[in-house]
């Protein structure tokens, strides 16, 4: 939810965002569904 608010703020400025929620494993899936960043940066623990 905090990341969603930040991403939405950036979207309101018509600028793309890259989100990097390091270390959350397969919860990256829920992160992308909820936050909807312009781009997702993945950490080295993800296949």
ModelCIF file with pLDDT and N, C-alpha, C, O atoms, coordinates in Angstrom:
data_MODEL
#
_entry.id   MODEL 
#
_entity.id                         1 
_entity.type                       polymer 
_entity.pdbx_number_of_molecules   1 
#
_entity_poly.entity_id                      1 
_entity_poly.type                           'polypeptide(L)' 
_entity_poly.nstd_linkage                   no 
_entity_poly.nstd_monomer                   no 
_entity_poly.pdbx_seq_one_letter_code       
;(UNK)(UNK)(UNK)(UNK)(UNK)(UNK)(UNK)(UNK)(UNK)(UNK)(UNK)(UNK)(UNK)(UNK)(UNK)(UNK)
(UNK)(UNK)(UNK)(UNK)(UNK)(UNK)(UNK)(UNK)(UNK)(UNK)(UNK)(UNK)(UNK)(UNK)(UNK)(UNK)
(UNK)(UNK)(UNK)(UNK)(UNK)(UNK)(UNK)(UNK)(UNK)(UNK)(UNK)(UNK)(UNK)(UNK)(UNK)
;
_entity_poly.pdbx_seq_one_letter_code_can   XXXXXXXXXXXXXXXXXXXXXXXXXXXXXXXXXXXXXXXXXXXXXXX 
_entity_poly.pdbx_strand_id                 A 
#
loop_
_entity_poly_seq.entity_id 
_entity_poly_seq.num 
_entity_poly_seq.mon_id 
_entity_poly_seq.hetero 
1 1  UNK n 
1 2  UNK n 
1 3  UNK n 
1 4  UNK n 
1 5  UNK n 
1 6  UNK n 
1 7  UNK n 
1 8  UNK n 
1 9  UNK n 
1 10 UNK n 
1 11 UNK n 
1 12 UNK n 
1 13 UNK n 
1 14 UNK n 
1 15 UNK n 
1 16 UNK n 
1 17 UNK n 
1 18 UNK n 
1 19 UNK n 
1 20 UNK n 
1 21 UNK n 
1 22 UNK n 
1 23 UNK n 
1 24 UNK n 
1 25 UNK n 
1 26 UNK n 
1 27 UNK n 
1 28 UNK n 
1 29 UNK n 
1 30 UNK n 
1 31 UNK n 
1 32 UNK n 
1 33 UNK n 
1 34 UNK n 
1 35 UNK n 
1 36 UNK n 
1 37 UNK n 
1 38 UNK n 
1 39 UNK n 
1 40 UNK n 
1 41 UNK n 
1 42 UNK n 
1 43 UNK n 
1 44 UNK n 
1 45 UNK n 
1 46 UNK n 
1 47 UNK n 
#
_struct_asym.id          A 
_struct_asym.entity_id   1 
#
loop_
_ma_qa_metric.id 
_ma_qa_metric.mode 
_ma_qa_metric.name 
_ma_qa_metric.software_group_id 
_ma_qa_metric.type 
1 global pLDDT . pLDDT 
2 local  pLDDT . pLDDT 
#
_ma_qa_metric_global.metric_id      1 
_ma_qa_metric_global.metric_value   97.91 
_ma_qa_metric_global.model_id       1 
_ma_qa_metric_global.ordinal_id     1 
#
loop_
_ma_qa_metric_local.label_asym_id 
_ma_qa_metric_local.label_comp_id 
_ma_qa_metric_local.label_seq_id 
_ma_qa_metric_local.metric_id 
_ma_qa_metric_local.metric_value 
_ma_qa_metric_local.model_id 
_ma_qa_metric_local.ordinal_id 
A UNK 1  2 98.00 1 1  
A UNK 2  2 98.00 1 2  
A UNK 3  2 98.00 1 3  
A UNK 4  2 98.00 1 4  
A UNK 5  2 98.00 1 5  
A UNK 6  2 98.00 1 6  
A UNK 7  2 98.00 1 7  
A UNK 8  2 98.00 1 8  
A UNK 9  2 98.00 1 9  
A UNK 10 2 98.00 1 10 
A UNK 11 2 98.00 1 11 
A UNK 12 2 98.00 1 12 
A UNK 13 2 98.00 1 13 
A UNK 14 2 97.00 1 14 
A UNK 15 2 97.00 1 15 
A UNK 16 2 98.00 1 16 
A UNK 17 2 98.00 1 17 
A UNK 18 2 98.00 1 18 
A UNK 19 2 98.00 1 19 
A UNK 20 2 98.00 1 20 
A UNK 21 2 98.00 1 21 
A UNK 22 2 98.00 1 22 
A UNK 23 2 98.00 1 23 
A UNK 24 2 98.00 1 24 
A UNK 25 2 98.00 1 25 
A UNK 26 2 98.00 1 26 
A UNK 27 2 98.00 1 27 
A UNK 28 2 98.00 1 28 
A UNK 29 2 98.00 1 29 
A UNK 30 2 98.00 1 30 
A UNK 31 2 98.00 1 31 
A UNK 32 2 98.00 1 32 
A UNK 33 2 97.00 1 33 
A UNK 34 2 98.00 1 34 
A UNK 35 2 98.00 1 35 
A UNK 36 2 98.00 1 36 
A UNK 37 2 98.00 1 37 
A UNK 38 2 98.00 1 38 
A UNK 39 2 98.00 1 39 
A UNK 40 2 98.00 1 40 
A UNK 41 2 98.00 1 41 
A UNK 42 2 98.00 1 42 
A UNK 43 2 98.00 1 43 
A UNK 44 2 98.00 1 44 
A UNK 45 2 97.00 1 45 
A UNK 46 2 98.00 1 46 
A UNK 47 2 98.00 1 47 
#
loop_
_atom_site.group_PDB 
_atom_site.id 
_atom_site.type_symbol 
_atom_site.label_atom_id 
_atom_site.label_alt_id 
_atom_site.label_comp_id 
_atom_site.label_asym_id 
_atom_site.label_entity_id 
_atom_site.label_seq_id 
_atom_site.pdbx_PDB_ins_code 
_atom_site.Cartn_x 
_atom_site.Cartn_y 
_atom_site.Cartn_z 
_atom_site.occupancy 
_atom_site.B_iso_or_equiv 
_atom_site.pdbx_formal_charge 
_atom_site.auth_seq_id 
_atom_site.auth_comp_id 
_atom_site.auth_asym_id 
_atom_site.auth_atom_id 
_atom_site.pdbx_PDB_model_num 
ATOM 1   N N  . UNK A 1 1  ? 0.824  -1.224  0.000   1.00 98.00 ? 1  UNK A N  1 
ATOM 2   C CA . UNK A 1 1  ? 0.000  0.000   0.000   1.00 98.00 ? 1  UNK A CA 1 
ATOM 3   C C  . UNK A 1 1  ? 0.856  1.271   0.000   1.00 98.00 ? 1  UNK A C  1 
ATOM 4   O O  . UNK A 1 1  ? 0.570  2.184   -0.775  1.00 98.00 ? 1  UNK A O  1 
ATOM 5   N N  . UNK A 1 2  ? 1.905  1.367   0.846   1.00 98.00 ? 2  UNK A N  1 
ATOM 6   C CA . UNK A 1 2  ? 2.758  2.564   0.763   1.00 98.00 ? 2  UNK A CA 1 
ATOM 7   C C  . UNK A 1 2  ? 3.420  2.722   -0.607  1.00 98.00 ? 2  UNK A C  1 
ATOM 8   O O  . UNK A 1 2  ? 3.506  3.834   -1.127  1.00 98.00 ? 2  UNK A O  1 
ATOM 9   N N  . UNK A 1 3  ? 3.890  1.612   -1.195  1.00 98.00 ? 3  UNK A N  1 
ATOM 10  C CA . UNK A 1 3  ? 4.496  1.690   -2.526  1.00 98.00 ? 3  UNK A CA 1 
ATOM 11  C C  . UNK A 1 3  ? 3.458  2.079   -3.576  1.00 98.00 ? 3  UNK A C  1 
ATOM 12  O O  . UNK A 1 3  ? 3.772  2.820   -4.507  1.00 98.00 ? 3  UNK A O  1 
ATOM 13  N N  . UNK A 1 4  ? 2.238  1.592   -3.437  1.00 98.00 ? 4  UNK A N  1 
ATOM 14  C CA . UNK A 1 4  ? 1.167  1.949   -4.368  1.00 98.00 ? 4  UNK A CA 1 
ATOM 15  C C  . UNK A 1 4  ? 0.936  3.453   -4.366  1.00 98.00 ? 4  UNK A C  1 
ATOM 16  O O  . UNK A 1 4  ? 0.773  4.063   -5.422  1.00 98.00 ? 4  UNK A O  1 
ATOM 17  N N  . UNK A 1 5  ? 0.922  4.048   -3.179  1.00 98.00 ? 5  UNK A N  1 
ATOM 18  C CA . UNK A 1 5  ? 0.690  5.495   -3.102  1.00 98.00 ? 5  UNK A CA 1 
ATOM 19  C C  . UNK A 1 5  ? 1.830  6.278   -3.765  1.00 98.00 ? 5  UNK A C  1 
ATOM 20  O O  . UNK A 1 5  ? 1.594  7.284   -4.433  1.00 98.00 ? 5  UNK A O  1 
ATOM 21  N N  . UNK A 1 6  ? 3.066  5.805   -3.572  1.00 98.00 ? 6  UNK A N  1 
ATOM 22  C CA . UNK A 1 6  ? 4.206  6.486   -4.186  1.00 98.00 ? 6  UNK A CA 1 
ATOM 23  C C  . UNK A 1 6  ? 4.163  6.329   -5.705  1.00 98.00 ? 6  UNK A C  1 
ATOM 24  O O  . UNK A 1 6  ? 4.368  7.297   -6.438  1.00 98.00 ? 6  UNK A O  1 
ATOM 25  N N  . UNK A 1 7  ? 3.895  5.108   -6.177  1.00 98.00 ? 7  UNK A N  1 
ATOM 26  C CA . UNK A 1 7  ? 3.824  4.856   -7.620  1.00 98.00 ? 7  UNK A CA 1 
ATOM 27  C C  . UNK A 1 7  ? 2.705  5.682   -8.261  1.00 98.00 ? 7  UNK A C  1 
ATOM 28  O O  . UNK A 1 7  ? 2.896  6.247   -9.338  1.00 98.00 ? 7  UNK A O  1 
ATOM 29  N N  . UNK A 1 8  ? 1.551  5.754   -7.614  1.00 98.00 ? 8  UNK A N  1 
ATOM 30  C CA . UNK A 1 8  ? 0.444  6.547   -8.155  1.00 98.00 ? 8  UNK A CA 1 
ATOM 31  C C  . UNK A 1 8  ? 0.800  8.025   -8.216  1.00 98.00 ? 8  UNK A C  1 
ATOM 32  O O  . UNK A 1 8  ? 0.393  8.733   -9.137  1.00 98.00 ? 8  UNK A O  1 
ATOM 33  N N  . UNK A 1 9  ? 1.557  8.482   -7.235  1.00 98.00 ? 9  UNK A N  1 
ATOM 34  C CA . UNK A 1 9  ? 2.004  9.884   -7.245  1.00 98.00 ? 9  UNK A CA 1 
ATOM 35  C C  . UNK A 1 9  ? 2.909  10.135  -8.444  1.00 98.00 ? 9  UNK A C  1 
ATOM 36  O O  . UNK A 1 9  ? 2.781  11.154  -9.123  1.00 98.00 ? 9  UNK A O  1 
ATOM 37  N N  . UNK A 1 10 ? 3.823  9.206   -8.702  1.00 98.00 ? 10 UNK A N  1 
ATOM 38  C CA . UNK A 1 10 ? 4.727  9.350   -9.844  1.00 98.00 ? 10 UNK A CA 1 
ATOM 39  C C  . UNK A 1 10 ? 3.945  9.308   -11.150 1.00 98.00 ? 10 UNK A C  1 
ATOM 40  O O  . UNK A 1 10 ? 4.219  10.082  -12.067 1.00 98.00 ? 10 UNK A O  1 
ATOM 41  N N  . UNK A 1 11 ? 2.968  8.401   -11.236 1.00 98.00 ? 11 UNK A N  1 
ATOM 42  C CA . UNK A 1 11 ? 2.130  8.320   -12.438 1.00 98.00 ? 11 UNK A CA 1 
ATOM 43  C C  . UNK A 1 11 ? 1.409  9.636   -12.700 1.00 98.00 ? 11 UNK A C  1 
ATOM 44  O O  . UNK A 1 11 ? 1.225  10.028  -13.852 1.00 98.00 ? 11 UNK A O  1 
ATOM 45  N N  . UNK A 1 12 ? 1.003  10.314  -11.636 1.00 98.00 ? 12 UNK A N  1 
ATOM 46  C CA . UNK A 1 12 ? 0.294  11.589  -11.795 1.00 98.00 ? 12 UNK A CA 1 
ATOM 47  C C  . UNK A 1 12 ? 1.181  12.656  -12.413 1.00 98.00 ? 12 UNK A C  1 
ATOM 48  O O  . UNK A 1 12 ? 0.688  13.670  -12.906 1.00 98.00 ? 12 UNK A O  1 
ATOM 49  N N  . UNK A 1 13 ? 2.495  12.428  -12.387 1.00 98.00 ? 13 UNK A N  1 
ATOM 50  C CA . UNK A 1 13 ? 3.461  13.354  -12.989 1.00 98.00 ? 13 UNK A CA 1 
ATOM 51  C C  . UNK A 1 13 ? 3.848  12.927  -14.402 1.00 98.00 ? 13 UNK A C  1 
ATOM 52  O O  . UNK A 1 13 ? 4.710  13.540  -15.032 1.00 98.00 ? 13 UNK A O  1 
ATOM 53  N N  . UNK A 1 14 ? 3.202  11.868  -14.895 1.00 97.00 ? 14 UNK A N  1 
ATOM 54  C CA . UNK A 1 14 ? 3.487  11.331  -16.244 1.00 97.00 ? 14 UNK A CA 1 
ATOM 55  C C  . UNK A 1 14 ? 4.952  10.920  -16.407 1.00 97.00 ? 14 UNK A C  1 
ATOM 56  O O  . UNK A 1 14 ? 5.568  11.154  -17.447 1.00 97.00 ? 14 UNK A O  1 
ATOM 57  N N  . UNK A 1 15 ? 5.481  10.317  -15.377 1.00 97.00 ? 15 UNK A N  1 
ATOM 58  C CA . UNK A 1 15 ? 6.865  9.826   -15.366 1.00 97.00 ? 15 UNK A CA 1 
ATOM 59  C C  . UNK A 1 15 ? 6.830  8.342   -14.998 1.00 97.00 ? 15 UNK A C  1 
ATOM 60  O O  . UNK A 1 15 ? 6.083  7.957   -14.099 1.00 97.00 ? 15 UNK A O  1 
ATOM 61  N N  . UNK A 1 16 ? 7.616  7.505   -15.669 1.00 98.00 ? 16 UNK A N  1 
ATOM 62  C CA . UNK A 1 16 ? 7.634  6.079   -15.323 1.00 98.00 ? 16 UNK A CA 1 
ATOM 63  C C  . UNK A 1 16 ? 8.385  5.803   -14.022 1.00 98.00 ? 16 UNK A C  1 
ATOM 64  O O  . UNK A 1 16 ? 9.278  6.552   -13.627 1.00 98.00 ? 16 UNK A O  1 
ATOM 65  N N  . UNK A 1 17 ? 8.004  4.720   -13.375 1.00 98.00 ? 17 UNK A N  1 
ATOM 66  C CA . UNK A 1 17 ? 8.642  4.323   -12.123 1.00 98.00 ? 17 UNK A CA 1 
ATOM 67  C C  . UNK A 1 17 ? 9.193  2.908   -12.240 1.00 98.00 ? 17 UNK A C  1 
ATOM 68  O O  . UNK A 1 17 ? 8.676  2.085   -12.995 1.00 98.00 ? 17 UNK A O  1 
ATOM 69  N N  . UNK A 1 18 ? 10.251 2.640   -11.480 1.00 98.00 ? 18 UNK A N  1 
ATOM 70  C CA . UNK A 1 18 ? 10.811 1.292   -11.353 1.00 98.00 ? 18 UNK A CA 1 
ATOM 71  C C  . UNK A 1 18 ? 10.764 0.936   -9.877  1.00 98.00 ? 18 UNK A C  1 
ATOM 72  O O  . UNK A 1 18 ? 11.340 1.648   -9.054  1.00 98.00 ? 18 UNK A O  1 
ATOM 73  N N  . UNK A 1 19 ? 10.097 -0.141  -9.528  1.00 98.00 ? 19 UNK A N  1 
ATOM 74  C CA . UNK A 1 19 ? 9.986  -0.559  -8.123  1.00 98.00 ? 19 UNK A CA 1 
ATOM 75  C C  . UNK A 1 19 ? 10.933 -1.713  -7.842  1.00 98.00 ? 19 UNK A C  1 
ATOM 76  O O  . UNK A 1 19 ? 11.084 -2.622  -8.658  1.00 98.00 ? 19 UNK A O  1 
ATOM 77  N N  . UNK A 1 20 ? 11.571 -1.666  -6.670  1.00 98.00 ? 20 UNK A N  1 
ATOM 78  C CA . UNK A 1 20 ? 12.522 -2.712  -6.281  1.00 98.00 ? 20 UNK A CA 1 
ATOM 79  C C  . UNK A 1 20 ? 12.240 -3.158  -4.843  1.00 98.00 ? 20 UNK A C  1 
ATOM 80  O O  . UNK A 1 20 ? 12.910 -2.706  -3.915  1.00 98.00 ? 20 UNK A O  1 
ATOM 81  N N  . UNK A 1 21 ? 11.247 -4.047  -4.653  1.00 98.00 ? 21 UNK A N  1 
ATOM 82  C CA . UNK A 1 21 ? 10.921 -4.551  -3.312  1.00 98.00 ? 21 UNK A CA 1 
ATOM 83  C C  . UNK A 1 21 ? 11.795 -5.752  -2.954  1.00 98.00 ? 21 UNK A C  1 
ATOM 84  O O  . UNK A 1 21 ? 11.325 -6.889  -2.934  1.00 98.00 ? 21 UNK A O  1 
ATOM 85  N N  . UNK A 1 22 ? 13.035 -5.495  -2.679  1.00 98.00 ? 22 UNK A N  1 
ATOM 86  C CA . UNK A 1 22 ? 14.031 -6.550  -2.530  1.00 98.00 ? 22 UNK A CA 1 
ATOM 87  C C  . UNK A 1 22 ? 13.679 -7.541  -1.420  1.00 98.00 ? 22 UNK A C  1 
ATOM 88  O O  . UNK A 1 22 ? 13.289 -7.156  -0.317  1.00 98.00 ? 22 UNK A O  1 
ATOM 89  N N  . UNK A 1 23 ? 13.828 -8.826  -1.744  1.00 98.00 ? 23 UNK A N  1 
ATOM 90  C CA . UNK A 1 23 ? 13.760 -9.867  -0.716  1.00 98.00 ? 23 UNK A CA 1 
ATOM 91  C C  . UNK A 1 23 ? 12.395 -10.430 -0.418  1.00 98.00 ? 23 UNK A C  1 
ATOM 92  O O  . UNK A 1 23 ? 12.257 -11.199 0.533   1.00 98.00 ? 23 UNK A O  1 
ATOM 93  N N  . UNK A 1 24 ? 11.360 -10.080 -1.198  1.00 98.00 ? 24 UNK A N  1 
ATOM 94  C CA . UNK A 1 24 ? 10.018 -10.566 -0.858  1.00 98.00 ? 24 UNK A CA 1 
ATOM 95  C C  . UNK A 1 24 ? 9.651  -11.860 -1.589  1.00 98.00 ? 24 UNK A C  1 
ATOM 96  O O  . UNK A 1 24 ? 8.524  -12.343 -1.474  1.00 98.00 ? 24 UNK A O  1 
ATOM 97  N N  . UNK A 1 25 ? 10.600 -12.417 -2.336  1.00 98.00 ? 25 UNK A N  1 
ATOM 98  C CA . UNK A 1 25 ? 10.387 -13.715 -2.973  1.00 98.00 ? 25 UNK A CA 1 
ATOM 99  C C  . UNK A 1 25 ? 9.207  -13.715 -3.940  1.00 98.00 ? 25 UNK A C  1 
ATOM 100 O O  . UNK A 1 25 ? 9.023  -12.769 -4.705  1.00 98.00 ? 25 UNK A O  1 
ATOM 101 N N  . UNK A 1 26 ? 8.422  -14.767 -3.900  1.00 98.00 ? 26 UNK A N  1 
ATOM 102 C CA . UNK A 1 26 ? 7.306  -14.898 -4.838  1.00 98.00 ? 26 UNK A CA 1 
ATOM 103 C C  . UNK A 1 26 ? 6.157  -13.930 -4.539  1.00 98.00 ? 26 UNK A C  1 
ATOM 104 O O  . UNK A 1 26 ? 5.172  -13.873 -5.276  1.00 98.00 ? 26 UNK A O  1 
ATOM 105 N N  . UNK A 1 27 ? 6.298  -13.168 -3.443  1.00 98.00 ? 27 UNK A N  1 
ATOM 106 C CA . UNK A 1 27 ? 5.327  -12.108 -3.177  1.00 98.00 ? 27 UNK A CA 1 
ATOM 107 C C  . UNK A 1 27 ? 5.478  -10.956 -4.173  1.00 98.00 ? 27 UNK A C  1 
ATOM 108 O O  . UNK A 1 27 ? 4.671  -10.026 -4.181  1.00 98.00 ? 27 UNK A O  1 
ATOM 109 N N  . UNK A 1 28 ? 6.517  -11.021 -5.010  1.00 98.00 ? 28 UNK A N  1 
ATOM 110 C CA . UNK A 1 28 ? 6.625  -10.081 -6.127  1.00 98.00 ? 28 UNK A CA 1 
ATOM 111 C C  . UNK A 1 28 ? 5.340  -10.105 -6.966  1.00 98.00 ? 28 UNK A C  1 
ATOM 112 O O  . UNK A 1 28 ? 4.934  -9.087  -7.526  1.00 98.00 ? 28 UNK A O  1 
ATOM 113 N N  . UNK A 1 29 ? 4.713  -11.277 -7.043  1.00 98.00 ? 29 UNK A N  1 
ATOM 114 C CA . UNK A 1 29 ? 3.491  -11.422 -7.833  1.00 98.00 ? 29 UNK A CA 1 
ATOM 115 C C  . UNK A 1 29 ? 2.382  -10.526 -7.287  1.00 98.00 ? 29 UNK A C  1 
ATOM 116 O O  . UNK A 1 29 ? 1.762  -9.777  -8.041  1.00 98.00 ? 29 UNK A O  1 
ATOM 117 N N  . UNK A 1 30 ? 2.132  -10.599 -5.983  1.00 98.00 ? 30 UNK A N  1 
ATOM 118 C CA . UNK A 1 30 ? 1.116  -9.738  -5.366  1.00 98.00 ? 30 UNK A CA 1 
ATOM 119 C C  . UNK A 1 30 ? 1.517  -8.272  -5.443  1.00 98.00 ? 30 UNK A C  1 
ATOM 120 O O  . UNK A 1 30 ? 0.674  -7.399  -5.647  1.00 98.00 ? 30 UNK A O  1 
ATOM 121 N N  . UNK A 1 31 ? 2.806  -8.008  -5.279  1.00 98.00 ? 31 UNK A N  1 
ATOM 122 C CA . UNK A 1 31 ? 3.295  -6.633  -5.367  1.00 98.00 ? 31 UNK A CA 1 
ATOM 123 C C  . UNK A 1 31 ? 2.910  -6.028  -6.716  1.00 98.00 ? 31 UNK A C  1 
ATOM 124 O O  . UNK A 1 31 ? 2.352  -4.932  -6.772  1.00 98.00 ? 31 UNK A O  1 
ATOM 125 N N  . UNK A 1 32 ? 3.206  -6.742  -7.800  1.00 98.00 ? 32 UNK A N  1 
ATOM 126 C CA . UNK A 1 32 ? 2.916  -6.213  -9.141  1.00 98.00 ? 32 UNK A CA 1 
ATOM 127 C C  . UNK A 1 32 ? 1.418  -6.067  -9.389  1.00 98.00 ? 32 UNK A C  1 
ATOM 128 O O  . UNK A 1 32 ? 0.988  -5.116  -10.041 1.00 98.00 ? 32 UNK A O  1 
ATOM 129 N N  . UNK A 1 33 ? 0.616  -7.010  -8.870  1.00 97.00 ? 33 UNK A N  1 
ATOM 130 C CA . UNK A 1 33 ? -0.834 -6.927  -9.053  1.00 97.00 ? 33 UNK A CA 1 
ATOM 131 C C  . UNK A 1 33 ? -1.424 -5.710  -8.358  1.00 97.00 ? 33 UNK A C  1 
ATOM 132 O O  . UNK A 1 33 ? -2.332 -5.062  -8.877  1.00 97.00 ? 33 UNK A O  1 
ATOM 133 N N  . UNK A 1 34 ? -0.894 -5.408  -7.173  1.00 98.00 ? 34 UNK A N  1 
ATOM 134 C CA . UNK A 1 34 ? -1.453 -4.310  -6.373  1.00 98.00 ? 34 UNK A CA 1 
ATOM 135 C C  . UNK A 1 34 ? -0.831 -2.966  -6.742  1.00 98.00 ? 34 UNK A C  1 
ATOM 136 O O  . UNK A 1 34 ? -1.546 -1.986  -6.951  1.00 98.00 ? 34 UNK A O  1 
ATOM 137 N N  . UNK A 1 35 ? 0.497  -2.917  -6.824  1.00 98.00 ? 35 UNK A N  1 
ATOM 138 C CA . UNK A 1 35 ? 1.210  -1.647  -7.007  1.00 98.00 ? 35 UNK A CA 1 
ATOM 139 C C  . UNK A 1 35 ? 1.212  -1.188  -8.462  1.00 98.00 ? 35 UNK A C  1 
ATOM 140 O O  . UNK A 1 35 ? 1.132  0.009   -8.736  1.00 98.00 ? 35 UNK A O  1 
ATOM 141 N N  . UNK A 1 36 ? 1.302  -2.126  -9.388  1.00 98.00 ? 36 UNK A N  1 
ATOM 142 C CA . UNK A 1 36 ? 1.317  -1.832  -10.828 1.00 98.00 ? 36 UNK A CA 1 
ATOM 143 C C  . UNK A 1 36 ? 2.383  -0.795  -11.206 1.00 98.00 ? 36 UNK A C  1 
ATOM 144 O O  . UNK A 1 36 ? 2.059  0.251   -11.768 1.00 98.00 ? 36 UNK A O  1 
ATOM 145 N N  . UNK A 1 37 ? 3.646  -1.082  -10.899 1.00 98.00 ? 37 UNK A N  1 
ATOM 146 C CA . UNK A 1 37 ? 4.711  -0.150  -11.293 1.00 98.00 ? 37 UNK A CA 1 
ATOM 147 C C  . UNK A 1 37 ? 4.919  -0.185  -12.801 1.00 98.00 ? 37 UNK A C  1 
ATOM 148 O O  . UNK A 1 37 ? 4.500  -1.131  -13.467 1.00 98.00 ? 37 UNK A O  1 
ATOM 149 N N  . UNK A 1 38 ? 5.563  0.844   -13.339 1.00 98.00 ? 38 UNK A N  1 
ATOM 150 C CA . UNK A 1 38 ? 5.861  0.858   -14.775 1.00 98.00 ? 38 UNK A CA 1 
ATOM 151 C C  . UNK A 1 38 ? 6.835  -0.256  -15.125 1.00 98.00 ? 38 UNK A C  1 
ATOM 152 O O  . UNK A 1 38 ? 6.783  -0.820  -16.217 1.00 98.00 ? 38 UNK A O  1 
ATOM 153 N N  . UNK A 1 39 ? 7.734  -0.570  -14.175 1.00 98.00 ? 39 UNK A N  1 
ATOM 154 C CA . UNK A 1 39 ? 8.751  -1.601  -14.373 1.00 98.00 ? 39 UNK A CA 1 
ATOM 155 C C  . UNK A 1 39 ? 9.075  -2.197  -13.013 1.00 98.00 ? 39 UNK A C  1 
ATOM 156 O O  . UNK A 1 39 ? 9.060  -1.492  -12.004 1.00 98.00 ? 39 UNK A O  1 
ATOM 157 N N  . UNK A 1 40 ? 9.365  -3.487  -12.982 1.00 98.00 ? 40 UNK A N  1 
ATOM 158 C CA . UNK A 1 40 ? 9.716  -4.149  -11.716 1.00 98.00 ? 40 UNK A CA 1 
ATOM 159 C C  . UNK A 1 40 ? 11.171 -4.600  -11.766 1.00 98.00 ? 40 UNK A C  1 
ATOM 160 O O  . UNK A 1 40 ? 11.590 -5.276  -12.706 1.00 98.00 ? 40 UNK A O  1 
ATOM 161 N N  . UNK A 1 41 ? 11.933 -4.222  -10.750 1.00 98.00 ? 41 UNK A N  1 
ATOM 162 C CA . UNK A 1 41 ? 13.333 -4.625  -10.653 1.00 98.00 ? 41 UNK A CA 1 
ATOM 163 C C  . UNK A 1 41 ? 13.405 -5.844  -9.732  1.00 98.00 ? 41 UNK A C  1 
ATOM 164 O O  . UNK A 1 41 ? 12.966 -5.789  -8.584  1.00 98.00 ? 41 UNK A O  1 
ATOM 165 N N  . UNK A 1 42 ? 13.962 -6.943  -10.244 1.00 98.00 ? 42 UNK A N  1 
ATOM 166 C CA . UNK A 1 42 ? 13.964 -8.197  -9.486  1.00 98.00 ? 42 UNK A CA 1 
ATOM 167 C C  . UNK A 1 42 ? 15.310 -8.410  -8.794  1.00 98.00 ? 42 UNK A C  1 
ATOM 168 O O  . UNK A 1 42 ? 16.353 -7.989  -9.293  1.00 98.00 ? 42 UNK A O  1 
ATOM 169 N N  . UNK A 1 43 ? 15.266 -9.064  -7.647  1.00 98.00 ? 43 UNK A N  1 
ATOM 170 C CA . UNK A 1 43 ? 16.514 -9.355  -6.945  1.00 98.00 ? 43 UNK A CA 1 
ATOM 171 C C  . UNK A 1 43 ? 17.051 -10.720 -7.368  1.00 98.00 ? 43 UNK A C  1 
ATOM 172 O O  . UNK A 1 43 ? 16.397 -11.459 -8.104  1.00 98.00 ? 43 UNK A O  1 
ATOM 173 N N  . UNK A 1 44 ? 18.244 -11.037 -6.894  1.00 98.00 ? 44 UNK A N  1 
ATOM 174 C CA . UNK A 1 44 ? 18.947 -12.241 -7.359  1.00 98.00 ? 44 UNK A CA 1 
ATOM 175 C C  . UNK A 1 44 ? 18.411 -13.529 -6.743  1.00 98.00 ? 44 UNK A C  1 
ATOM 176 O O  . UNK A 1 44 ? 18.853 -14.612 -7.125  1.00 98.00 ? 44 UNK A O  1 
ATOM 177 N N  . UNK A 1 45 ? 17.478 -13.444 -5.808  1.00 97.00 ? 45 UNK A N  1 
ATOM 178 C CA . UNK A 1 45 ? 16.913 -14.654 -5.219  1.00 97.00 ? 45 UNK A CA 1 
ATOM 179 C C  . UNK A 1 45 ? 15.766 -15.217 -6.054  1.00 97.00 ? 45 UNK A C  1 
ATOM 180 O O  . UNK A 1 45 ? 15.338 -16.350 -5.834  1.00 97.00 ? 45 UNK A O  1 
ATOM 181 N N  . UNK A 1 46 ? 15.270 -14.440 -7.004  1.00 98.00 ? 46 UNK A N  1 
ATOM 182 C CA . UNK A 1 46 ? 14.149 -14.886 -7.832  1.00 98.00 ? 46 UNK A CA 1 
ATOM 183 C C  . UNK A 1 46 ? 14.641 -15.656 -9.050  1.00 98.00 ? 46 UNK A C  1 
ATOM 184 O O  . UNK A 1 46 ? 15.615 -15.260 -9.691  1.00 98.00 ? 46 UNK A O  1 
ATOM 185 N N  . UNK A 1 47 ? 13.976 -16.739 -9.362  1.00 98.00 ? 47 UNK A N  1 
ATOM 186 C CA . UNK A 1 47 ? 14.260 -17.502 -10.569 1.00 98.00 ? 47 UNK A CA 1 
ATOM 187 C C  . UNK A 1 47 ? 13.703 -16.718 -11.753 1.00 98.00 ? 47 UNK A C  1 
ATOM 188 O O  . UNK A 1 47 ? 13.819 -17.161 -12.896 1.00 98.00 ? 47 UNK A O  1 
#
